[in-house]
């Protein structure tokens, strides 16, 4: 079974955007799709806001035993890489 997490946010222009994150080869892969666009956008480096929301999703799932501590650690490493020069 794939390790997949998804949620929806509303953009500033009130259009919904779905974000999916899957774990592939010990790395999180982010993709998003706006409601007014037909194709998915794959992100090599995720937006910081999406990564912070993802950490929140993982921490809530971890408290319900639906995610592992290793998953949270990988996401925090990605956040640290975004802030590295």
Protein backbone atom coordinates (compact mmCIF):
# COMPACT_ATOMS: atom_id res chain seq x y z
CA UNK A 1 0.00 0.00 0.00
CA UNK A 2 1.26 3.46 -0.86
CA UNK A 3 1.95 5.93 1.88
CA UNK A 4 -0.33 8.74 0.64
CA UNK A 5 -1.70 11.85 2.34
CA UNK A 6 -4.11 14.36 0.80
CA UNK A 7 -5.92 17.53 1.82
CA UNK A 8 -7.62 20.54 0.25
CA UNK A 9 -6.97 24.25 0.80
CA UNK A 10 -8.61 27.36 -0.59
CA UNK A 11 -6.35 29.76 -2.47
CA UNK A 12 -6.54 33.54 -2.10
CA UNK A 13 -8.77 33.71 -5.18
CA UNK A 14 -11.17 31.22 -3.47
CA UNK A 15 -10.33 28.34 -5.84
CA UNK A 16 -9.81 24.99 -4.14
CA UNK A 17 -6.43 23.28 -4.50
CA UNK A 18 -5.90 19.62 -3.64
CA UNK A 19 -2.45 18.58 -2.42
CA UNK A 20 -1.25 14.98 -2.44
CA UNK A 21 1.94 13.70 -0.91
CA UNK A 22 3.25 10.20 -1.54
CA UNK A 23 6.33 8.50 -0.21
CA UNK A 24 8.63 7.14 -2.90
CA UNK A 25 12.12 5.78 -2.23
CA UNK A 26 12.41 7.39 1.23
CA UNK A 27 11.42 10.79 -0.17
CA UNK A 28 8.13 12.68 -0.10
CA UNK A 29 6.73 13.64 -3.51
CA UNK A 30 4.33 16.58 -3.61
CA UNK A 31 1.70 17.17 -6.27
CA UNK A 32 -1.13 19.66 -6.44
CA UNK A 33 -4.11 20.45 -8.62
CA UNK A 34 -6.34 23.48 -8.69
CA UNK A 35 -10.04 22.96 -9.28
CA UNK A 36 -9.92 25.13 -12.42
CA UNK A 37 -7.00 23.17 -13.98
CA UNK A 38 -7.20 19.63 -15.36
CA UNK A 39 -3.64 18.38 -14.84
CA UNK A 40 -1.58 17.77 -11.72
CA UNK A 41 1.55 19.78 -11.00
CA UNK A 42 4.49 17.85 -9.57
CA UNK A 43 6.82 19.81 -7.29
CA UNK A 44 10.54 19.03 -7.06
CA UNK A 45 10.72 21.38 -4.09
CA UNK A 46 7.37 21.87 -2.36
CA UNK A 47 6.09 25.24 -1.27
CA UNK A 48 6.99 25.99 2.33
CA UNK A 49 3.33 26.52 3.24
CA UNK A 50 2.43 23.09 1.81
CA UNK A 51 5.28 21.45 3.71
CA UNK A 52 4.20 23.07 6.98
CA UNK A 53 0.62 21.91 6.42
CA UNK A 54 1.94 18.44 5.63
CA UNK A 55 3.89 18.36 8.90
CA UNK A 56 0.69 19.29 10.74
CA UNK A 57 -1.20 16.49 8.95
CA UNK A 58 1.53 13.97 9.81
CA UNK A 59 1.68 15.01 13.47
CA UNK A 60 -2.08 14.65 13.83
CA UNK A 61 -1.97 11.24 12.14
CA UNK A 62 0.97 10.22 14.34
CA UNK A 63 -1.07 10.97 17.46
CA UNK A 64 -3.72 8.55 16.14
CA UNK A 65 -1.07 5.96 15.13
CA UNK A 66 -1.73 6.47 11.41
CA UNK A 67 1.80 7.74 10.59
CA UNK A 68 5.27 6.81 11.79
CA UNK A 69 7.84 8.95 13.54
CA UNK A 70 10.19 8.25 10.61
CA UNK A 71 7.68 9.92 8.26
CA UNK A 72 7.72 13.06 10.42
CA UNK A 73 11.53 13.01 10.50
CA UNK A 74 11.72 12.84 6.69
CA UNK A 75 9.33 15.78 6.37
CA UNK A 76 11.36 17.84 8.86
CA UNK A 77 14.52 17.06 6.88
CA UNK A 78 12.83 18.40 3.75
CA UNK A 79 11.90 21.57 5.63
CA UNK A 80 15.50 21.99 6.76
CA UNK A 81 16.69 21.52 3.15
CA UNK A 82 14.36 24.31 1.99
CA UNK A 83 16.01 26.71 4.46
CA UNK A 84 19.57 25.58 3.67
CA UNK A 85 21.61 27.84 1.33
